[in-house]
């Protein structure tokens, strides 16, 4: 018998439950691009948790957590920012999906789509039509998922990190 997956919306009270899923995503990022230096897990979570604590204070920001038998298997963290954008025509509020993480054993089973459907439903309720999502250049699976949902690349970030062994001139 399979146990149903439920999605619930929350705020700061859910942040500490996200740690194992953030660390799974952190490991996934490292597997995609090992040329960069990454913070150790404890420091990475400390920094991300701090960001979440700040972002969730923005009016309308939320967390959606997917659970099976009360155990988190994925989450989406959405930060609502004031608009309009200074370049593109947008509404008065812009959503940014800061994180979408699915437990490694659950990837490829439709839970990312389920969470994104729930994100879209929440944004519809708030009257927000503008959504930004960033993903690592090497994360082709995530890019395909987002593009299937009608998102398209509009910007590429270039970076030079001083800690990288391969920093340019």
C-alpha atoms as a PDB file:
ATOM      1  CA  UNK A   1       0.000   0.000   0.000  1.00  0.00           C
ATOM      2  CA  UNK A   2       1.467   3.378  -0.962  1.00  0.00           C
ATOM      3  CA  UNK A   3       1.234   6.357   1.331  1.00  0.00           C
ATOM      4  CA  UNK A   4      -0.162   9.549  -0.133  1.00  0.00           C
ATOM      5  CA  UNK A   5       2.060  12.569  -0.591  1.00  0.00           C
ATOM      6  CA  UNK A   6       0.605  15.771   0.780  1.00  0.00           C
ATOM      7  CA  UNK A   7       1.708  19.330   0.168  1.00  0.00           C
ATOM      8  CA  UNK A   8       1.240  21.993   2.772  1.00  0.00           C
ATOM      9  CA  UNK A   9       2.033  25.654   2.828  1.00  0.00           C
ATOM     10  CA  UNK A  10       3.866  27.307   5.664  1.00  0.00           C
ATOM     11  CA  UNK A  11       6.275  29.944   6.758  1.00  0.00           C
ATOM     12  CA  UNK A  12       9.189  30.235   9.182  1.00  0.00           C
ATOM     13  CA  UNK A  13       7.972  27.277  11.254  1.00  0.00           C
ATOM     14  CA  UNK A  14       8.939  24.923   8.394  1.00  0.00           C
ATOM     15  CA  UNK A  15      12.462  26.202   7.768  1.00  0.00           C
ATOM     16  CA  UNK A  16      14.318  23.867  10.139  1.00  0.00           C
ATOM     17  CA  UNK A  17      12.603  20.857   8.534  1.00  0.00           C
ATOM     18  CA  UNK A  18      14.229  21.729   5.197  1.00  0.00           C
ATOM     19  CA  UNK A  19      17.841  21.042   6.190  1.00  0.00           C
ATOM     20  CA  UNK A  20      18.178  17.438   4.905  1.00  0.00           C
ATOM     21  CA  UNK A  21      16.578  18.381   1.586  1.00  0.00           C
ATOM     22  CA  UNK A  22      18.797  21.460   1.227  1.00  0.00           C
ATOM     23  CA  UNK A  23      21.871  19.301   1.914  1.00  0.00           C
ATOM     24  CA  UNK A  24      20.722  16.797  -0.723  1.00  0.00           C
ATOM     25  CA  UNK A  25      20.451  19.655  -3.227  1.00  0.00           C
ATOM     26  CA  UNK A  26      23.845  20.983  -2.118  1.00  0.00           C
ATOM     27  CA  UNK A  27      25.353  17.535  -2.842  1.00  0.00           C
ATOM     28  CA  UNK A  28      23.568  17.427  -6.207  1.00  0.00           C
ATOM     29  CA  UNK A  29      25.033  20.816  -7.140  1.00  0.00           C
ATOM     30  CA  UNK A  30      28.500  19.549  -6.266  1.00  0.00           C
ATOM     31  CA  UNK A  31      27.998  16.484  -8.441  1.00  0.00           C
ATOM     32  CA  UNK A  32      27.095  18.699 -11.404  1.00  0.00           C
ATOM     33  CA  UNK A  33      30.109  20.983 -11.200  1.00  0.00           C
ATOM     34  CA  UNK A  34      33.062  19.756  -9.207  1.00  0.00           C
ATOM     35  CA  UNK A  35      35.354  22.510 -10.527  1.00  0.00           C
ATOM     36  CA  UNK A  36      34.026  24.951  -7.954  1.00  0.00           C
ATOM     37  CA  UNK A  37      34.759  25.048  -4.245  1.00  0.00           C
ATOM     38  CA  UNK A  38      31.719  24.440  -2.073  1.00  0.00           C
ATOM     39  CA  UNK A  39      31.077  25.190   1.561  1.00  0.00           C
ATOM     40  CA  UNK A  40      30.921  22.187   3.874  1.00  0.00           C
ATOM     41  CA  UNK A  41      27.370  21.036   4.588  1.00  0.00           C
ATOM     42  CA  UNK A  42      27.057  22.648   8.012  1.00  0.00           C
ATOM     43  CA  UNK A  43      28.188  26.059   6.749  1.00  0.00           C
ATOM     44  CA  UNK A  44      26.057  25.803   3.613  1.00  0.00           C
ATOM     45  CA  UNK A  45      22.949  25.089   5.678  1.00  0.00           C
ATOM     46  CA  UNK A  46      23.777  27.886   8.136  1.00  0.00           C
ATOM     47  CA  UNK A  47      23.988  30.374   5.250  1.00  0.00           C
ATOM     48  CA  UNK A  48      20.900  29.091   3.420  1.00  0.00           C
ATOM     49  CA  UNK A  49      18.874  28.998   6.647  1.00  0.00           C
ATOM     50  CA  UNK A  50      19.797  32.622   7.252  1.00  0.00           C
ATOM     51  CA  UNK A  51      18.605  33.532   3.736  1.00  0.00           C
ATOM     52  CA  UNK A  52      15.346  31.664   4.285  1.00  0.00           C
ATOM     53  CA  UNK A  53      14.765  33.469   7.585  1.00  0.00           C
ATOM     54  CA  UNK A  54      15.177  36.806   5.823  1.00  0.00           C
ATOM     55  CA  UNK A  55      13.258  35.968   2.625  1.00  0.00           C
ATOM     56  CA  UNK A  56      10.244  34.546   4.456  1.00  0.00           C
ATOM     57  CA  UNK A  57       9.662  37.940   6.096  1.00  0.00           C
ATOM     58  CA  UNK A  58       8.801  39.470   2.707  1.00  0.00           C
ATOM     59  CA  UNK A  59       5.038  39.800   2.388  1.00  0.00           C
ATOM     60  CA  UNK A  60       3.549  36.811   0.581  1.00  0.00           C
ATOM     61  CA  UNK A  61       6.700  34.633   0.647  1.00  0.00           C
ATOM     62  CA  UNK A  62       6.039  30.976   1.457  1.00  0.00           C
ATOM     63  CA  UNK A  63       7.312  27.428   1.692  1.00  0.00           C
ATOM     64  CA  UNK A  64       5.529  24.423   0.246  1.00  0.00           C
ATOM     65  CA  UNK A  65       6.604  21.119   1.702  1.00  0.00           C
ATOM     66  CA  UNK A  66       5.780  17.728   0.209  1.00  0.00           C
ATOM     67  CA  UNK A  67       5.448  15.020   2.841  1.00  0.00           C
ATOM     68  CA  UNK A  68       4.817  11.297   2.923  1.00  0.00           C
ATOM     69  CA  UNK A  69       3.862   9.902   6.313  1.00  0.00           C
ATOM     70  CA  UNK A  70       4.893  13.253   7.865  1.00  0.00           C
ATOM     71  CA  UNK A  71       8.412  12.948   6.393  1.00  0.00           C
ATOM     72  CA  UNK A  72       9.556  15.720   4.025  1.00  0.00           C
ATOM     73  CA  UNK A  73      10.391  14.465   0.532  1.00  0.00           C
ATOM     74  CA  UNK A  74      10.613  17.833  -1.212  1.00  0.00           C
ATOM     75  CA  UNK A  75      10.011  21.530  -0.928  1.00  0.00           C
ATOM     76  CA  UNK A  76       9.676  24.758  -2.838  1.00  0.00           C
ATOM     77  CA  UNK A  77      10.701  28.070  -1.290  1.00  0.00           C
ATOM     78  CA  UNK A  78       9.136  31.116  -2.953  1.00  0.00           C
ATOM     79  CA  UNK A  79      10.300  34.649  -2.236  1.00  0.00           C
ATOM     80  CA  UNK A  80       7.927  37.450  -3.222  1.00  0.00           C
ATOM     81  CA  UNK A  81       9.658  40.662  -4.267  1.00  0.00           C
ATOM     82  CA  UNK A  82       8.277  44.089  -5.083  1.00  0.00           C
ATOM     83  CA  UNK A  83       7.928  44.997  -8.740  1.00  0.00           C
ATOM     84  CA  UNK A  84       7.863  46.251 -11.297  1.00  0.00           C
ATOM     85  CA  UNK A  85      11.205  45.191 -12.708  1.00  0.00           C
ATOM     86  CA  UNK A  86      13.352  47.984 -14.089  1.00  0.00           C
ATOM     87  CA  UNK A  87      13.842  46.289 -17.471  1.00  0.00           C
ATOM     88  CA  UNK A  88      10.916  44.030 -18.274  1.00  0.00           C
ATOM     89  CA  UNK A  89       7.257  44.827 -17.900  1.00  0.00           C
ATOM     90  CA  UNK A  90       6.098  42.981 -14.791  1.00  0.00           C
ATOM     91  CA  UNK A  91       3.407  43.268 -12.185  1.00  0.00           C
ATOM     92  CA  UNK A  92       3.616  44.960  -8.814  1.00  0.00           C
ATOM     93  CA  UNK A  93       4.988  41.739  -7.263  1.00  0.00           C
ATOM     94  CA  UNK A  94       7.417  39.199  -8.686  1.00  0.00           C
ATOM     95  CA  UNK A  95       7.869  35.667  -7.359  1.00  0.00           C
ATOM     96  CA  UNK A  96      11.237  33.972  -7.324  1.00  0.00           C
ATOM     97  CA  UNK A  97      11.529  30.257  -6.741  1.00  0.00           C
ATOM     98  CA  UNK A  98      14.623  30.324  -4.562  1.00  0.00           C
ATOM     99  CA  UNK A  99      14.788  26.565  -4.076  1.00  0.00           C
ATOM    100  CA  UNK A 100      13.135  23.439  -5.380  1.00  0.00           C
ATOM    101  CA  UNK A 101      14.552  20.306  -3.782  1.00  0.00           C
ATOM    102  CA  UNK A 102      13.406  16.720  -4.021  1.00  0.00           C
ATOM    103  CA  UNK A 103      14.939  13.901  -1.962  1.00  0.00           C
ATOM    104  CA  UNK A 104      17.333  11.897  -4.161  1.00  0.00           C
ATOM    105  CA  UNK A 105      15.285   8.674  -3.880  1.00  0.00           C
ATOM    106  CA  UNK A 106      12.161  10.553  -5.009  1.00  0.00           C
ATOM    107  CA  UNK A 107      13.579  12.393  -8.035  1.00  0.00           C
ATOM    108  CA  UNK A 108      12.051  11.666 -11.423  1.00  0.00           C
ATOM    109  CA  UNK A 109       8.706  10.608  -9.918  1.00  0.00           C
ATOM    110  CA  UNK A 110       6.766  13.812 -10.585  1.00  0.00           C
ATOM    111  CA  UNK A 111       7.116  15.488  -7.193  1.00  0.00           C
ATOM    112  CA  UNK A 112       8.899  18.515  -8.649  1.00  0.00           C
ATOM    113  CA  UNK A 113       5.969  18.975 -11.027  1.00  0.00           C
ATOM    114  CA  UNK A 114       3.523  18.521  -8.148  1.00  0.00           C
ATOM    115  CA  UNK A 115       5.285  21.207  -6.117  1.00  0.00           C
ATOM    116  CA  UNK A 116       5.465  23.568  -9.091  1.00  0.00           C
ATOM    117  CA  UNK A 117       1.735  23.075  -9.710  1.00  0.00           C
ATOM    118  CA  UNK A 118       1.151  24.073  -6.083  1.00  0.00           C
ATOM    119  CA  UNK A 119       3.469  27.089  -6.459  1.00  0.00           C
ATOM    120  CA  UNK A 120       1.506  28.221  -9.514  1.00  0.00           C
ATOM    121  CA  UNK A 121      -1.795  27.773  -7.655  1.00  0.00           C
ATOM    122  CA  UNK A 122      -0.559  29.897  -4.736  1.00  0.00           C
ATOM    123  CA  UNK A 123       0.726  32.597  -7.082  1.00  0.00           C
ATOM    124  CA  UNK A 124      -2.616  32.591  -8.926  1.00  0.00           C
ATOM    125  CA  UNK A 125      -4.422  33.167  -5.607  1.00  0.00           C
ATOM    126  CA  UNK A 126      -2.146  36.152  -4.951  1.00  0.00           C
ATOM    127  CA  UNK A 127      -2.576  37.530  -8.466  1.00  0.00           C
ATOM    128  CA  UNK A 128       1.129  37.132  -9.240  1.00  0.00           C
ATOM    129  CA  UNK A 129       1.899  36.120 -12.811  1.00  0.00           C
ATOM    130  CA  UNK A 130       5.641  36.826 -12.893  1.00  0.00           C
ATOM    131  CA  UNK A 131       7.988  34.034 -11.828  1.00  0.00           C
ATOM    132  CA  UNK A 132      11.773  33.855 -11.876  1.00  0.00           C
ATOM    133  CA  UNK A 133      13.669  30.604 -11.444  1.00  0.00           C
ATOM    134  CA  UNK A 134      17.422  30.179 -11.469  1.00  0.00           C
ATOM    135  CA  UNK A 135      19.206  26.910 -12.018  1.00  0.00           C
ATOM    136  CA  UNK A 136      22.789  25.819 -12.447  1.00  0.00           C
ATOM    137  CA  UNK A 137      23.883  25.776 -16.067  1.00  0.00           C
ATOM    138  CA  UNK A 138      24.759  22.068 -15.786  1.00  0.00           C
ATOM    139  CA  UNK A 139      21.414  21.082 -14.223  1.00  0.00           C
ATOM    140  CA  UNK A 140      19.790  20.030 -17.489  1.00  0.00           C
ATOM    141  CA  UNK A 141      17.015  18.062 -15.782  1.00  0.00           C
ATOM    142  CA  UNK A 142      15.835  21.120 -13.878  1.00  0.00           C
ATOM    143  CA  UNK A 143      16.056  23.284 -16.994  1.00  0.00           C
ATOM    144  CA  UNK A 144      13.918  20.800 -18.952  1.00  0.00           C
ATOM    145  CA  UNK A 145      11.353  20.699 -16.142  1.00  0.00           C
ATOM    146  CA  UNK A 146      11.061  24.495 -16.062  1.00  0.00           C
ATOM    147  CA  UNK A 147      10.982  24.865 -19.839  1.00  0.00           C
ATOM    148  CA  UNK A 148       8.164  22.284 -20.089  1.00  0.00           C
ATOM    149  CA  UNK A 149       6.219  24.635 -17.823  1.00  0.00           C
ATOM    150  CA  UNK A 150       6.661  27.556 -20.222  1.00  0.00           C
ATOM    151  CA  UNK A 151       9.628  29.250 -18.582  1.00  0.00           C
ATOM    152  CA  UNK A 152      12.507  30.239 -20.812  1.00  0.00           C
ATOM    153  CA  UNK A 153      16.078  31.379 -20.302  1.00  0.00           C
ATOM    154  CA  UNK A 154      16.332  35.167 -20.253  1.00  0.00           C
ATOM    155  CA  UNK A 155      19.609  35.797 -18.480  1.00  0.00           C
ATOM    156  CA  UNK A 156      22.904  34.021 -17.930  1.00  0.00           C
ATOM    157  CA  UNK A 157      25.037  34.789 -14.894  1.00  0.00           C
ATOM    158  CA  UNK A 158      28.777  34.577 -15.353  1.00  0.00           C
ATOM    159  CA  UNK A 159      30.967  34.184 -12.302  1.00  0.00           C
ATOM    160  CA  UNK A 160      34.538  34.228 -11.148  1.00  0.00           C
ATOM    161  CA  UNK A 161      34.972  32.935  -7.619  1.00  0.00           C
ATOM    162  CA  UNK A 162      38.274  33.723  -5.925  1.00  0.00           C
ATOM    163  CA  UNK A 163      38.174  30.393  -4.078  1.00  0.00           C
ATOM    164  CA  UNK A 164      38.064  28.421  -7.331  1.00  0.00           C
ATOM    165  CA  UNK A 165      41.226  26.658  -8.447  1.00  0.00           C
ATOM    166  CA  UNK A 166      40.348  27.638 -12.007  1.00  0.00           C
ATOM    167  CA  UNK A 167      39.900  31.389 -11.620  1.00  0.00           C
ATOM    168  CA  UNK A 168      40.772  33.335 -14.750  1.00  0.00           C
ATOM    169  CA  UNK A 169      43.383  36.082 -15.095  1.00  0.00           C
END
